[in-house]
Amino acid sequence: MYRESIDKDELAELPLIQFEGDITLVESKEDYLDSIEYLSQQTLLGFDTETKPAFKKGVVYEVALLQLATVDRAFLFRLNKIGLPNGLKNILENPDIQKIGVAIRDDIKGLQKLNHFKPAGFIELQDHVKDFGIQDFSLKKLSAIVLGYRISKAQRVTNWEAPDLTEAQQIYAATDAWISHRIFESLNQQ
């Protein structure tokens, strides 16, 4: 079936994978409305958030980016610019839309600070993989064990509140949400 874990050396040998689909950066009302319309019709979404890293003790930033991804489309919501509007809140509360992610508890808590909602339809990939005997729970290792690819974490500690997100940041953010979707689908095809 699947291996329990993978070591750093084996991980380094694997080919790199990244999201190559369509990325929509949502910063305006027009982009927002189109995105919500599309996402509301989905049944399975990869889910992740990004927050500006704090390098000083006691400094905490709010969630800056919410990523939702399908097989071939990723939506990056710049929450530091648009907040967490009700249409997005409705998706997060919809039990008919499965939202798959890793270590999602803190992501949800961070989002609830922006606009309170009752989360529904969330699936914690770290719990789900236990049924398959997998013991390594980082997204990077889950990608390696389940899909046979490694993902880059190079952009993780960049400024997610920057006026403009670089292409590298956008690809990283899209990949993080999309890879959860891919892992979940791959496990469920077994």
C-alpha atoms as a PDB file:
ATOM      1  CA  MET A   1       0.000   0.000   0.000  1.00  0.00           C
ATOM      2  CA  TYR A   2       1.744   3.201   1.176  1.00  0.00           C
ATOM      3  CA  ARG A   3       4.936   3.601   3.160  1.00  0.00           C
ATOM      4  CA  GLU A   4       4.744   4.925   6.708  1.00  0.00           C
ATOM      5  CA  SER A   5       7.407   7.566   6.147  1.00  0.00           C
ATOM      6  CA  ILE A   6      10.199   8.838   3.926  1.00  0.00           C
ATOM      7  CA  ASP A   7      13.612  10.219   4.864  1.00  0.00           C
ATOM      8  CA  LYS A   8      15.207  13.492   3.735  1.00  0.00           C
ATOM      9  CA  ASP A   9      17.645  11.853   1.293  1.00  0.00           C
ATOM     10  CA  GLU A  10      14.921   9.889  -0.486  1.00  0.00           C
ATOM     11  CA  LEU A  11      12.747  13.001  -0.571  1.00  0.00           C
ATOM     12  CA  ALA A  12      15.547  15.024  -2.200  1.00  0.00           C
ATOM     13  CA  GLU A  13      15.813  12.438  -5.014  1.00  0.00           C
ATOM     14  CA  LEU A  14      12.176  12.776  -6.076  1.00  0.00           C
ATOM     15  CA  PRO A  15      11.152  14.965  -9.027  1.00  0.00           C
ATOM     16  CA  LEU A  16       9.730  18.386  -8.173  1.00  0.00           C
ATOM     17  CA  ILE A  17       6.064  19.086  -8.904  1.00  0.00           C
ATOM     18  CA  GLN A  18       4.168  22.371  -8.906  1.00  0.00           C
ATOM     19  CA  PHE A  19       0.749  23.622  -9.894  1.00  0.00           C
ATOM     20  CA  GLU A  20       0.604  24.349 -13.626  1.00  0.00           C
ATOM     21  CA  GLY A  21      -3.079  25.190 -13.994  1.00  0.00           C
ATOM     22  CA  ASP A  22      -4.869  28.513 -14.084  1.00  0.00           C
ATOM     23  CA  ILE A  23      -4.160  30.831 -11.124  1.00  0.00           C
ATOM     24  CA  THR A  24      -6.670  33.565 -10.302  1.00  0.00           C
ATOM     25  CA  LEU A  25      -5.381  36.249  -7.961  1.00  0.00           C
ATOM     26  CA  VAL A  26      -8.484  37.683  -6.294  1.00  0.00           C
ATOM     27  CA  GLU A  27      -7.948  41.323  -5.337  1.00  0.00           C
ATOM     28  CA  SER A  28     -10.991  43.058  -6.844  1.00  0.00           C
ATOM     29  CA  LYS A  29     -14.770  42.734  -6.523  1.00  0.00           C
ATOM     30  CA  GLU A  30     -15.096  41.558 -10.148  1.00  0.00           C
ATOM     31  CA  ASP A  31     -12.527  38.757  -9.720  1.00  0.00           C
ATOM     32  CA  TYR A  32     -14.156  37.889  -6.402  1.00  0.00           C
ATOM     33  CA  LEU A  33     -17.685  37.461  -7.784  1.00  0.00           C
ATOM     34  CA  ASP A  34     -16.510  35.285 -10.709  1.00  0.00           C
ATOM     35  CA  SER A  35     -14.425  33.130  -8.341  1.00  0.00           C
ATOM     36  CA  ILE A  36     -17.234  32.602  -5.827  1.00  0.00           C
ATOM     37  CA  GLU A  37     -19.633  31.611  -8.602  1.00  0.00           C
ATOM     38  CA  TYR A  38     -17.185  28.964  -9.853  1.00  0.00           C
ATOM     39  CA  LEU A  39     -16.124  27.663  -6.437  1.00  0.00           C
ATOM     40  CA  SER A  40     -19.715  27.374  -5.188  1.00  0.00           C
ATOM     41  CA  GLN A  41     -20.327  24.725  -7.867  1.00  0.00           C
ATOM     42  CA  GLN A  42     -17.412  22.497  -6.774  1.00  0.00           C
ATOM     43  CA  THR A  43     -17.607  19.462  -4.474  1.00  0.00           C
ATOM     44  CA  LEU A  44     -13.889  19.121  -3.641  1.00  0.00           C
ATOM     45  CA  LEU A  45     -11.349  21.884  -3.009  1.00  0.00           C
ATOM     46  CA  GLY A  46      -7.776  21.918  -1.835  1.00  0.00           C
ATOM     47  CA  PHE A  47      -7.470  24.421   1.022  1.00  0.00           C
ATOM     48  CA  ASP A  48      -4.642  26.417   2.609  1.00  0.00           C
ATOM     49  CA  THR A  49      -3.829  29.855   3.998  1.00  0.00           C
ATOM     50  CA  GLU A  50      -0.710  31.996   4.220  1.00  0.00           C
ATOM     51  CA  THR A  51       0.201  34.556   6.850  1.00  0.00           C
ATOM     52  CA  LYS A  52       3.041  37.057   6.838  1.00  0.00           C
ATOM     53  CA  PRO A  53       5.799  35.584   9.012  1.00  0.00           C
ATOM     54  CA  ALA A  54       6.560  37.405  12.259  1.00  0.00           C
ATOM     55  CA  PHE A  55      10.200  37.462  13.268  1.00  0.00           C
ATOM     56  CA  LYS A  56       9.634  39.287  16.564  1.00  0.00           C
ATOM     57  CA  LYS A  57       8.251  37.654  19.686  1.00  0.00           C
ATOM     58  CA  GLY A  58       4.655  38.666  20.364  1.00  0.00           C
ATOM     59  CA  VAL A  59       4.068  39.954  16.822  1.00  0.00           C
ATOM     60  CA  VAL A  60       1.213  38.124  15.103  1.00  0.00           C
ATOM     61  CA  TYR A  61      -0.259  38.925  11.692  1.00  0.00           C
ATOM     62  CA  GLU A  62      -3.723  38.110  10.378  1.00  0.00           C
ATOM     63  CA  VAL A  63      -4.219  35.598   7.571  1.00  0.00           C
ATOM     64  CA  ALA A  64      -3.240  37.388   4.359  1.00  0.00           C
ATOM     65  CA  LEU A  65      -4.107  34.765   1.741  1.00  0.00           C
ATOM     66  CA  LEU A  66      -6.703  32.026   1.367  1.00  0.00           C
ATOM     67  CA  GLN A  67      -6.058  29.432  -1.337  1.00  0.00           C
ATOM     68  CA  LEU A  68      -8.768  27.198  -2.769  1.00  0.00           C
ATOM     69  CA  ALA A  69      -7.920  24.848  -5.637  1.00  0.00           C
ATOM     70  CA  THR A  70      -9.547  22.358  -7.992  1.00  0.00           C
ATOM     71  CA  VAL A  71      -7.690  19.944 -10.279  1.00  0.00           C
ATOM     72  CA  ASP A  72      -6.794  22.694 -12.753  1.00  0.00           C
ATOM     73  CA  ARG A  73      -7.686  26.042 -11.166  1.00  0.00           C
ATOM     74  CA  ALA A  74      -6.381  27.823  -8.081  1.00  0.00           C
ATOM     75  CA  PHE A  75      -7.889  30.903  -6.467  1.00  0.00           C
ATOM     76  CA  LEU A  76      -5.725  33.089  -4.267  1.00  0.00           C
ATOM     77  CA  PHE A  77      -7.859  35.439  -2.169  1.00  0.00           C
ATOM     78  CA  ARG A  78      -5.870  38.444  -0.898  1.00  0.00           C
ATOM     79  CA  LEU A  79      -7.689  38.673   2.425  1.00  0.00           C
ATOM     80  CA  ASN A  80      -5.442  41.532   3.561  1.00  0.00           C
ATOM     81  CA  LYS A  81      -7.011  43.544   0.696  1.00  0.00           C
ATOM     82  CA  ILE A  82     -10.596  42.240   0.468  1.00  0.00           C
ATOM     83  CA  GLY A  83     -11.259  40.783   3.931  1.00  0.00           C
ATOM     84  CA  LEU A  84     -13.360  37.616   4.245  1.00  0.00           C
ATOM     85  CA  PRO A  85     -16.642  38.466   2.481  1.00  0.00           C
ATOM     86  CA  ASN A  86     -19.846  36.487   3.027  1.00  0.00           C
ATOM     87  CA  GLY A  87     -19.679  34.602  -0.300  1.00  0.00           C
ATOM     88  CA  LEU A  88     -16.354  33.121   0.765  1.00  0.00           C
ATOM     89  CA  LYS A  89     -17.725  32.497   4.255  1.00  0.00           C
ATOM     90  CA  ASN A  90     -20.619  30.538   2.660  1.00  0.00           C
ATOM     91  CA  ILE A  91     -18.146  28.231   0.890  1.00  0.00           C
ATOM     92  CA  LEU A  92     -16.278  27.645   4.176  1.00  0.00           C
ATOM     93  CA  GLU A  93     -19.586  26.792   5.892  1.00  0.00           C
ATOM     94  CA  ASN A  94     -20.939  24.561   3.095  1.00  0.00           C
ATOM     95  CA  PRO A  95     -20.894  20.869   4.148  1.00  0.00           C
ATOM     96  CA  ASP A  96     -21.413  19.812   0.495  1.00  0.00           C
ATOM     97  CA  ILE A  97     -18.058  21.286  -0.551  1.00  0.00           C
ATOM     98  CA  GLN A  98     -15.217  19.193   0.864  1.00  0.00           C
ATOM     99  CA  LYS A  99     -12.205  21.331   1.723  1.00  0.00           C
ATOM    100  CA  ILE A 100      -9.012  19.303   2.075  1.00  0.00           C
ATOM    101  CA  GLY A 101      -5.891  20.580   3.817  1.00  0.00           C
ATOM    102  CA  VAL A 102      -3.034  19.860   6.206  1.00  0.00           C
ATOM    103  CA  ALA A 103      -2.916  21.318   9.747  1.00  0.00           C
ATOM    104  CA  ILE A 104      -6.152  23.169   9.051  1.00  0.00           C
ATOM    105  CA  ARG A 105      -7.192  23.902  12.648  1.00  0.00           C
ATOM    106  CA  ASP A 106      -5.004  27.018  12.943  1.00  0.00           C
ATOM    107  CA  ASP A 107      -5.931  28.102   9.400  1.00  0.00           C
ATOM    108  CA  ILE A 108      -9.625  27.982  10.320  1.00  0.00           C
ATOM    109  CA  LYS A 109      -9.023  29.845  13.609  1.00  0.00           C
ATOM    110  CA  GLY A 110      -7.136  32.570  11.733  1.00  0.00           C
ATOM    111  CA  LEU A 111      -9.938  32.919   9.174  1.00  0.00           C
ATOM    112  CA  GLN A 112     -12.574  33.111  11.919  1.00  0.00           C
ATOM    113  CA  LYS A 113     -10.820  36.212  13.291  1.00  0.00           C
ATOM    114  CA  LEU A 114     -11.602  37.971   9.987  1.00  0.00           C
ATOM    115  CA  ASN A 115     -15.284  36.959   9.805  1.00  0.00           C
ATOM    116  CA  HIS A 116     -16.872  34.435  12.142  1.00  0.00           C
ATOM    117  CA  PHE A 117     -18.187  31.286  10.462  1.00  0.00           C
ATOM    118  CA  LYS A 118     -19.098  27.717  11.393  1.00  0.00           C
ATOM    119  CA  PRO A 119     -16.658  25.513   9.446  1.00  0.00           C
ATOM    120  CA  ALA A 120     -18.242  22.562   7.631  1.00  0.00           C
ATOM    121  CA  GLY A 121     -16.987  20.079   5.067  1.00  0.00           C
ATOM    122  CA  PHE A 122     -13.328  20.332   6.144  1.00  0.00           C
ATOM    123  CA  ILE A 123     -11.148  17.225   5.966  1.00  0.00           C
ATOM    124  CA  GLU A 124      -7.832  17.132   7.804  1.00  0.00           C
ATOM    125  CA  LEU A 125      -5.476  15.220   5.521  1.00  0.00           C
ATOM    126  CA  GLN A 126      -3.220  14.342   8.480  1.00  0.00           C
ATOM    127  CA  ASP A 127      -6.109  12.363  10.033  1.00  0.00           C
ATOM    128  CA  HIS A 128      -7.255  10.890   6.712  1.00  0.00           C
ATOM    129  CA  VAL A 129      -3.839   9.377   5.839  1.00  0.00           C
ATOM    130  CA  LYS A 130      -3.697   7.448   9.124  1.00  0.00           C
ATOM    131  CA  ASP A 131      -6.260   5.049   7.608  1.00  0.00           C
ATOM    132  CA  PHE A 132      -3.623   4.235   4.973  1.00  0.00           C
ATOM    133  CA  GLY A 133      -0.855   3.552   7.517  1.00  0.00           C
ATOM    134  CA  ILE A 134       1.029   6.776   6.756  1.00  0.00           C
ATOM    135  CA  GLN A 135       2.902   8.262   9.727  1.00  0.00           C
ATOM    136  CA  ASP A 136       4.614  11.319   8.171  1.00  0.00           C
ATOM    137  CA  PHE A 137       2.167  14.209   8.146  1.00  0.00           C
ATOM    138  CA  SER A 138       3.858  17.245   6.568  1.00  0.00           C
ATOM    139  CA  LEU A 139       2.430  18.237   3.191  1.00  0.00           C
ATOM    140  CA  LYS A 140       5.883  17.815   1.645  1.00  0.00           C
ATOM    141  CA  LYS A 141       6.209  14.229   2.911  1.00  0.00           C
ATOM    142  CA  LEU A 142       2.599  13.312   2.117  1.00  0.00           C
ATOM    143  CA  SER A 143       3.173  14.457  -1.461  1.00  0.00           C
ATOM    144  CA  ALA A 144       6.289  12.274  -1.663  1.00  0.00           C
ATOM    145  CA  ILE A 145       4.694   9.181  -0.091  1.00  0.00           C
ATOM    146  CA  VAL A 146       1.358   9.297  -1.928  1.00  0.00           C
ATOM    147  CA  LEU A 147       2.259  10.899  -5.265  1.00  0.00           C
ATOM    148  CA  GLY A 148       6.000  10.225  -5.603  1.00  0.00           C
ATOM    149  CA  TYR A 149       6.799  13.937  -6.043  1.00  0.00           C
ATOM    150  CA  ARG A 150       8.291  16.595  -3.817  1.00  0.00           C
ATOM    151  CA  ILE A 151       7.014  20.148  -3.525  1.00  0.00           C
ATOM    152  CA  SER A 152       9.108  23.250  -2.918  1.00  0.00           C
ATOM    153  CA  LYS A 153       8.690  25.139   0.338  1.00  0.00           C
ATOM    154  CA  ALA A 154      11.068  27.944  -0.679  1.00  0.00           C
ATOM    155  CA  GLN A 155       8.442  30.734  -0.614  1.00  0.00           C
ATOM    156  CA  ARG A 156       6.938  29.818   2.766  1.00  0.00           C
ATOM    157  CA  VAL A 157       8.464  32.655   4.798  1.00  0.00           C
ATOM    158  CA  THR A 158       7.952  35.463   2.290  1.00  0.00           C
ATOM    159  CA  ASN A 159       5.803  38.563   2.795  1.00  0.00           C
ATOM    160  CA  TRP A 160       2.229  37.514   1.990  1.00  0.00           C
ATOM    161  CA  GLU A 161       1.046  41.094   2.574  1.00  0.00           C
ATOM    162  CA  ALA A 162       3.329  42.568  -0.118  1.00  0.00           C
ATOM    163  CA  PRO A 163       1.548  45.016  -2.468  1.00  0.00           C
ATOM    164  CA  ASP A 164       2.065  42.505  -5.302  1.00  0.00           C
ATOM    165  CA  LEU A 165       2.671  38.781  -4.987  1.00  0.00           C
ATOM    166  CA  THR A 166       5.504  37.472  -7.166  1.00  0.00           C
ATOM    167  CA  GLU A 167       4.908  34.689  -9.656  1.00  0.00           C
ATOM    168  CA  ALA A 168       6.944  32.381  -7.390  1.00  0.00           C
ATOM    169  CA  GLN A 169       4.692  33.217  -4.418  1.00  0.00           C
ATOM    170  CA  GLN A 170       1.564  32.614  -6.493  1.00  0.00           C
ATOM    171  CA  ILE A 171       2.791  29.231  -7.760  1.00  0.00           C
ATOM    172  CA  TYR A 172       3.843  28.200  -4.242  1.00  0.00           C
ATOM    173  CA  ALA A 173       0.469  29.206  -2.755  1.00  0.00           C
ATOM    174  CA  ALA A 174      -1.496  27.511  -5.551  1.00  0.00           C
ATOM    175  CA  THR A 175       0.611  24.346  -5.231  1.00  0.00           C
ATOM    176  CA  ASP A 176      -0.007  24.077  -1.481  1.00  0.00           C
ATOM    177  CA  ALA A 177      -3.797  24.004  -1.909  1.00  0.00           C
ATOM    178  CA  TRP A 178      -3.782  21.938  -5.114  1.00  0.00           C
ATOM    179  CA  ILE A 179      -1.437  19.232  -3.794  1.00  0.00           C
ATOM    180  CA  SER A 180      -3.834  18.494  -0.883  1.00  0.00           C
ATOM    181  CA  HIS A 181      -6.580  17.996  -3.474  1.00  0.00           C
ATOM    182  CA  ARG A 182      -4.322  15.677  -5.527  1.00  0.00           C
ATOM    183  CA  ILE A 183      -3.247  13.622  -2.489  1.00  0.00           C
ATOM    184  CA  PHE A 184      -6.858  13.194  -1.316  1.00  0.00           C
ATOM    185  CA  GLU A 185      -8.070  12.132  -4.760  1.00  0.00           C
ATOM    186  CA  SER A 186      -5.154   9.713  -5.167  1.00  0.00           C
ATOM    187  CA  LEU A 187      -5.844   8.085  -1.771  1.00  0.00           C
ATOM    188  CA  ASN A 188      -9.544   7.754  -2.545  1.00  0.00           C
ATOM    189  CA  GLN A 189      -8.879   6.053  -5.890  1.00  0.00           C
ATOM    190  CA  GLN A 190      -7.202   3.162  -4.014  1.00  0.00           C
END
